[in-house]
Every structure is written in C-alpha cells, then in structure tokens.
Amino acid sequence: MQTTTQESSTANDSVMTDSSTSLQHNVSEAEWQMRVDLAACYRLIASYGWDDLVFTHISARVPSTENEFLINPYGLLFEEITASNLIKVNQDGEKVSPSEFDVNPAGFTIHSAVHQARDDAHCVLHLHTSDGVAVSIQEQGLLPISQQSLLPLSNLAYHDYEGIALNPEEKVRLVADLGAANFMFLRNHGLLTCASTVADAFLAMYIMQKSCEIQIKAQSGGHALTAIPAQILAGIQAASKQVTKEANGDIAWPALLRKLRRTDPSFEQ
C-alpha cells in the first residue's frame, strides 16, 4: 500500500507543475497574473463540481496580444491546472509555447470563434453541467422565474446544435448568434459566458448555472411556475451594477482566491 501511495504521489508531481518549473519569471507580469486567474477559475469550476473530466474549456487572451490565448492542457483534470501548465496557443489552436500536452481541437473551435469576433471577450468559459444542458434542451430555454435568471436573460443568446464542434464553418454562425451577448446556451450542449476579465466570466457562469439549477428543481415540483414581470427584467442590468458596486466579478473574486489559497494554493505555481 505504501508503494502505491508513493507511486501515485510521484505521478501527480510529474503532472502538476511545481515551483521549480514555474514560468513566473519567464513571462510578463501581466501574462503571469492572467495565468494565475485562469488557473484559479479552473480550480473553482472543479470545486463546484461543474467540470466534465478533461472536457470543456476556459480560455483567456494573453495581455497585450491579439491572437495568443491560454487554455488547459488536454488530458489534465481541472483540479490539476496550474498557472505554469496552461498552454499558450494562437488563433488556430496551435501551440506557440512548449508543452507535452495537446489542445482539444473541438474545444478551441468554439473559443477561437468568440475571441476573434469579440475584442471585449478576453475570457471565454464553456461548461457541460447537467442542469445547464438540461435547460439548453428545453424549447423555451431559460425561464424568467428566479432572481438569478434575470441577469442572463438581459443579455442572452442561443446557438443551435451542429454536432461536435470541428467544423470551422460553424464559427460564422456561432458568433452571429452570440452577437453582443455575454451569456449563451449552446443547444443540446451546454453553457458559455464571455467577459473582459476572468472574474467577470466566472461570476456570469456562476449566476447562469445557478439559474439553471433552480429552473430544473422548480420544474420537478410538478406545479405551474410564476414568471417575473417583464418590467422587472427590463431594469435588471442597472440594478446588478448597484448590487456589485460596479465591481462586477471583482466583488467576489478576491474572496474566492483566498478560499483557494486556504485549501490548495498550488494553482499559483
């Protein structure tokens, strides 16, 4: 048993980037901060149980570049992502920095499309949560039945399912459907949020996912649902800025980082 534990520990050490191989002093300060934030986002998704083994992705534009992005190594669990083992790729998903891991081509088709079309989309977050997929399947999509649903509904888009995202031609249709929205349901597939910061993209996904969880639970009760009046929906964006003190995702992000550092600070390596 002791040998098995040691072997497991050694295997984990070979996958998880340790402090001796940190990229911190080999990249710009801005890129390192983006790496830390993106790695933190992966860990948070795992901690909430929203990951899907090694599938789905979160990508972030490398600061001061137009066509370089950070994304997860294909084959690592989200709980294994660190600032240093994130892969830097170009707009075509090709590696521009050394890594023993590949990039999921289907995943980056979606992300590259959004990054290319939206200058403000510095972070793109895509998940396959059970409740998110369940709502994406419903013909009416997200319903205005909870306070949590209102923010996504004020800025929401839908994209019909076209199969596994390997067809470059789908990019045109996906970004046309997304438009200027920051929340999207990929029909029969999952959820997507995009934002100017990792913190904003995470908070958007947290709220979107929570609204899906509530909808599925409400529908399971077997009774008629009460919709929120349209005039309330119309004023939700202004109200949300008051609630977050216009800090958006940053209202919760520092606390989330503190939580990660208490439980497992290795994301910063």
Protein backbone atom coordinates (compact mmCIF):
# COMPACT_ATOMS: atom_id res chain seq x y z
CA MET A 1 0.00 0.00 0.00
CA GLN A 2 2.83 2.38 0.84
CA THR A 3 4.45 1.78 -2.57
CA THR A 4 1.16 2.53 -4.34
CA THR A 5 0.78 5.81 -2.47
CA GLN A 6 4.33 6.85 -3.32
CA GLU A 7 3.87 5.94 -6.96
CA SER A 8 0.62 7.93 -7.07
CA SER A 9 2.33 10.91 -5.48
CA THR A 10 5.19 10.73 -7.97
CA ALA A 11 2.76 10.57 -10.88
CA ASN A 12 0.89 13.59 -9.60
CA ASP A 13 4.12 15.52 -9.14
CA SER A 14 5.08 14.83 -12.75
CA VAL A 15 1.77 16.28 -13.96
CA MET A 16 1.35 19.17 -11.56
CA THR A 17 3.87 21.91 -12.26
CA ASP A 18 5.89 22.55 -9.12
CA SER A 19 7.59 25.76 -8.04
CA SER A 20 10.94 24.67 -9.52
CA THR A 21 9.47 24.73 -13.05
CA SER A 22 7.30 27.81 -12.64
CA LEU A 23 7.03 30.12 -15.64
CA GLN A 24 6.59 33.18 -13.47
CA HIS A 25 9.97 34.69 -14.31
CA ASN A 26 9.80 33.73 -17.98
CA VAL A 27 6.65 35.64 -18.90
CA SER A 28 5.47 39.20 -18.40
CA GLU A 29 3.88 40.22 -15.13
CA ALA A 30 0.58 40.76 -16.91
CA GLU A 31 0.65 37.32 -18.53
CA TRP A 32 1.54 35.68 -15.20
CA GLN A 33 -1.41 37.37 -13.49
CA MET A 34 -3.71 36.17 -16.26
CA ARG A 35 -2.31 32.66 -15.85
CA VAL A 36 -2.97 32.73 -12.10
CA ASP A 37 -6.53 33.98 -12.57
CA LEU A 38 -7.27 31.42 -15.29
CA ALA A 39 -5.83 28.54 -13.25
CA ALA A 40 -7.91 29.71 -10.29
CA CYS A 41 -11.02 29.65 -12.47
CA TYR A 42 -10.34 26.06 -13.50
CA ARG A 43 -9.90 25.05 -9.85
CA LEU A 44 -13.11 26.83 -8.84
CA ILE A 45 -15.09 25.08 -11.57
CA ALA A 46 -13.77 21.77 -10.25
CA SER A 47 -14.55 22.67 -6.64
CA TYR A 48 -18.19 23.39 -7.54
CA GLY A 49 -18.46 20.09 -9.41
CA TRP A 50 -19.08 21.73 -12.77
CA ASP A 51 -16.19 20.11 -14.62
CA ASP A 52 -16.59 17.22 -17.07
CA LEU A 53 -13.50 15.04 -16.63
CA VAL A 54 -10.92 16.55 -19.02
CA PHE A 55 -13.52 18.09 -21.34
CA THR A 56 -14.80 21.69 -21.67
CA HIS A 57 -12.55 24.70 -21.53
CA ILE A 58 -11.83 28.16 -20.24
CA SER A 59 -9.62 30.35 -22.38
CA ALA A 60 -8.09 33.78 -21.84
CA ARG A 61 -6.34 36.20 -24.15
CA VAL A 62 -2.68 36.82 -23.31
CA PRO A 63 -2.45 40.50 -22.32
CA SER A 64 -1.05 42.88 -24.95
CA THR A 65 -1.65 40.36 -27.75
CA GLU A 66 -4.45 39.96 -30.25
CA ASN A 67 -4.08 36.31 -31.25
CA GLU A 68 -2.44 34.44 -28.37
CA PHE A 69 -4.53 32.63 -25.78
CA LEU A 70 -4.15 30.43 -22.72
CA ILE A 71 -6.09 27.19 -22.43
CA ASN A 72 -5.98 23.93 -20.47
CA PRO A 73 -3.71 21.02 -21.42
CA TYR A 74 -5.92 18.30 -22.91
CA GLY A 75 -5.77 15.35 -20.54
CA LEU A 76 -5.48 17.15 -17.22
CA LEU A 77 -8.35 17.40 -14.77
CA PHE A 78 -9.40 20.93 -13.88
CA GLU A 79 -8.11 20.35 -10.35
CA GLU A 80 -4.63 19.79 -11.84
CA ILE A 81 -4.42 23.07 -13.74
CA THR A 82 -1.71 25.49 -12.63
CA ALA A 83 -0.58 28.88 -13.85
CA SER A 84 2.51 27.30 -15.44
CA ASN A 85 0.99 24.28 -17.19
CA LEU A 86 -1.60 26.30 -19.12
CA ILE A 87 -0.83 26.13 -22.84
CA LYS A 88 -0.30 29.23 -24.98
CA VAL A 89 -1.86 28.87 -28.44
CA ASN A 90 -2.56 31.05 -31.47
CA GLN A 91 -5.89 31.79 -33.12
CA ASP A 92 -5.77 28.43 -34.92
CA GLY A 93 -5.26 26.50 -31.68
CA GLU A 94 -1.62 25.75 -32.50
CA LYS A 95 0.84 25.72 -29.61
CA VAL A 96 3.20 28.69 -29.52
CA SER A 97 4.97 27.58 -26.34
CA PRO A 98 6.34 24.12 -25.48
CA SER A 99 4.00 21.64 -23.77
CA GLU A 100 3.88 17.87 -23.60
CA PHE A 101 0.09 18.09 -23.85
CA ASP A 102 -2.21 18.72 -26.80
CA VAL A 103 -5.17 21.08 -27.11
CA ASN A 104 -8.68 19.74 -27.67
CA PRO A 105 -9.46 20.83 -31.26
CA ALA A 106 -13.22 20.77 -30.78
CA GLY A 107 -12.99 22.95 -27.72
CA PHE A 108 -10.87 25.63 -29.29
CA THR A 109 -13.14 25.91 -32.33
CA ILE A 110 -15.75 27.50 -30.08
CA HIS A 111 -13.31 29.64 -28.10
CA SER A 112 -11.35 30.94 -31.08
CA ALA A 113 -14.57 31.98 -32.79
CA VAL A 114 -15.65 34.12 -29.83
CA HIS A 115 -12.21 35.60 -29.21
CA GLN A 116 -11.81 36.53 -32.87
CA ALA A 117 -15.23 38.14 -33.16
CA ARG A 118 -15.29 39.97 -29.84
CA ASP A 119 -12.43 42.26 -28.81
CA ASP A 120 -14.01 42.53 -25.36
CA ALA A 121 -14.09 38.75 -24.84
CA HIS A 122 -10.76 38.32 -23.08
CA CYS A 123 -12.10 35.26 -21.25
CA VAL A 124 -14.45 32.61 -22.65
CA LEU A 125 -15.88 29.96 -20.31
CA HIS A 126 -17.69 26.87 -21.60
CA LEU A 127 -19.25 24.10 -19.46
CA HIS A 128 -21.31 20.91 -19.84
CA THR A 129 -23.12 20.90 -16.49
CA SER A 130 -26.12 18.57 -16.23
CA ASP A 131 -28.54 21.37 -15.33
CA GLY A 132 -27.11 23.66 -17.99
CA VAL A 133 -27.50 21.04 -20.70
CA ALA A 134 -30.99 20.20 -19.42
CA VAL A 135 -32.14 23.81 -19.80
CA SER A 136 -30.44 24.11 -23.20
CA ILE A 137 -32.58 21.20 -24.40
CA GLN A 138 -35.85 22.88 -23.43
CA GLU A 139 -37.61 24.67 -26.28
CA GLN A 140 -38.26 27.79 -24.16
CA GLY A 141 -34.75 27.81 -22.79
CA LEU A 142 -34.12 29.81 -19.63
CA LEU A 143 -37.32 30.98 -17.95
CA PRO A 144 -37.74 34.26 -16.01
CA ILE A 145 -38.73 32.51 -12.80
CA SER A 146 -35.92 33.37 -10.38
CA GLN A 147 -33.90 36.42 -9.42
CA GLN A 148 -30.81 34.55 -10.62
CA SER A 149 -32.27 34.11 -14.11
CA LEU A 150 -32.75 37.82 -14.72
CA LEU A 151 -29.13 38.79 -15.39
CA PRO A 152 -28.54 36.10 -18.04
CA LEU A 153 -31.92 36.85 -19.61
CA SER A 154 -30.99 40.51 -20.02
CA ASN A 155 -28.01 39.57 -22.20
CA LEU A 156 -28.69 36.08 -23.57
CA ALA A 157 -28.18 34.27 -26.90
CA TYR A 158 -28.81 30.75 -28.23
CA HIS A 159 -26.92 28.67 -30.80
CA ASP A 160 -28.42 25.53 -32.33
CA TYR A 161 -26.52 22.26 -32.10
CA GLU A 162 -24.47 21.32 -35.17
CA GLY A 163 -22.62 18.29 -33.82
CA ILE A 164 -19.17 18.13 -32.25
CA ALA A 165 -17.52 21.49 -32.89
CA LEU A 166 -14.94 20.51 -35.50
CA ASN A 167 -16.34 22.39 -38.49
CA PRO A 168 -14.66 25.81 -38.93
CA GLU A 169 -17.71 26.98 -40.88
CA GLU A 170 -19.77 26.79 -37.69
CA LYS A 171 -17.75 29.70 -36.27
CA VAL A 172 -19.57 32.19 -38.50
CA ARG A 173 -22.98 31.04 -37.33
CA LEU A 174 -21.95 30.82 -33.68
CA VAL A 175 -20.65 34.40 -33.48
CA ALA A 176 -23.65 35.67 -35.46
CA ASP A 177 -25.93 34.07 -32.86
CA LEU A 178 -23.82 35.40 -29.97
CA GLY A 179 -23.77 38.99 -31.22
CA ALA A 180 -23.03 41.31 -28.30
CA ALA A 181 -24.37 38.93 -25.65
CA ASN A 182 -22.22 37.67 -22.77
CA PHE A 183 -24.37 34.61 -21.98
CA MET A 184 -25.14 31.82 -24.43
CA PHE A 185 -26.90 28.48 -24.42
CA LEU A 186 -25.36 26.04 -26.86
CA ARG A 187 -28.47 23.99 -27.63
CA ASN A 188 -28.27 20.32 -26.55
CA HIS A 189 -24.69 21.01 -25.50
CA GLY A 190 -24.02 23.40 -22.62
CA LEU A 191 -23.33 26.91 -21.36
CA LEU A 192 -21.00 29.70 -22.43
CA THR A 193 -20.09 33.05 -20.91
CA CYS A 194 -17.59 35.63 -22.07
CA ALA A 195 -16.27 38.79 -20.45
CA SER A 196 -13.39 41.23 -20.30
CA THR A 197 -11.90 39.53 -17.22
CA VAL A 198 -11.72 36.02 -15.79
CA ALA A 199 -13.52 37.22 -12.67
CA ASP A 200 -16.44 38.59 -14.69
CA ALA A 201 -16.73 35.44 -16.82
CA PHE A 202 -16.74 33.26 -13.69
CA LEU A 203 -19.40 35.32 -11.91
CA ALA A 204 -21.54 35.27 -15.06
CA MET A 205 -21.25 31.49 -15.24
CA TYR A 206 -21.96 31.11 -11.52
CA ILE A 207 -25.22 33.06 -11.91
CA MET A 208 -26.18 31.28 -15.14
CA GLN A 209 -25.52 27.86 -13.67
CA LYS A 210 -27.44 28.71 -10.51
CA SER A 211 -30.43 29.86 -12.58
CA CYS A 212 -30.41 26.52 -14.43
CA GLU A 213 -30.26 24.55 -11.18
CA ILE A 214 -33.23 26.49 -9.81
CA GLN A 215 -35.26 26.04 -13.01
CA ILE A 216 -34.76 22.26 -13.10
CA LYS A 217 -35.69 21.96 -9.41
CA ALA A 218 -38.75 24.19 -9.83
CA GLN A 219 -39.97 22.20 -12.80
CA SER A 220 -39.56 18.94 -10.89
CA GLY A 221 -42.22 20.10 -8.42
CA GLY A 222 -44.97 19.40 -10.94
CA HIS A 223 -46.81 22.69 -10.42
CA ALA A 224 -47.30 25.83 -12.51
CA LEU A 225 -44.41 28.31 -12.25
CA THR A 226 -44.72 32.03 -11.53
CA ALA A 227 -42.93 34.26 -14.03
CA ILE A 228 -41.26 37.52 -13.06
CA PRO A 229 -42.94 40.57 -14.68
CA ALA A 230 -41.31 41.94 -17.83
CA GLN A 231 -40.80 45.43 -16.36
CA ILE A 232 -38.56 43.97 -13.65
CA LEU A 233 -36.48 42.14 -16.25
CA ALA A 234 -36.04 45.39 -18.17
CA GLY A 235 -34.31 47.09 -15.24
CA ILE A 236 -32.09 44.24 -14.08
CA GLN A 237 -28.80 45.37 -15.65
CA ALA A 238 -28.82 48.72 -13.86
CA ALA A 239 -29.82 47.03 -10.63
CA SER A 240 -26.99 44.49 -10.88
CA LYS A 241 -24.42 47.27 -11.09
CA GLN A 242 -25.74 48.67 -7.81
CA VAL A 243 -25.57 45.26 -6.12
CA THR A 244 -21.95 44.66 -7.14
CA LYS A 245 -20.96 48.30 -6.56
CA GLU A 246 -19.97 48.27 -10.26
CA ALA A 247 -17.11 45.92 -9.37
CA ASN A 248 -18.80 43.10 -11.31
CA GLY A 249 -16.86 39.85 -10.82
CA ASP A 250 -14.27 41.53 -8.62
CA ILE A 251 -16.84 41.83 -5.83
CA ALA A 252 -16.36 38.08 -5.14
CA TRP A 253 -13.08 37.20 -6.86
CA PRO A 254 -10.64 38.16 -4.04
CA ALA A 255 -12.65 36.08 -1.56
CA LEU A 256 -12.66 33.12 -3.96
CA LEU A 257 -8.88 33.37 -4.34
CA ARG A 258 -8.49 33.42 -0.56
CA LYS A 259 -10.59 30.27 -0.35
CA LEU A 260 -8.42 28.51 -2.93
CA ARG A 261 -5.24 29.54 -1.16
CA ARG A 262 -6.54 28.08 2.10
CA THR A 263 -7.44 24.74 0.51
CA ASP A 264 -4.82 24.23 -2.23
CA PRO A 265 -2.54 27.09 -3.29
CA SER A 266 -0.82 25.00 -6.00
CA PHE A 267 -2.86 26.74 -8.71
CA GLU A 268 -0.43 29.67 -8.41
CA GLN A 269 2.62 27.56 -9.29
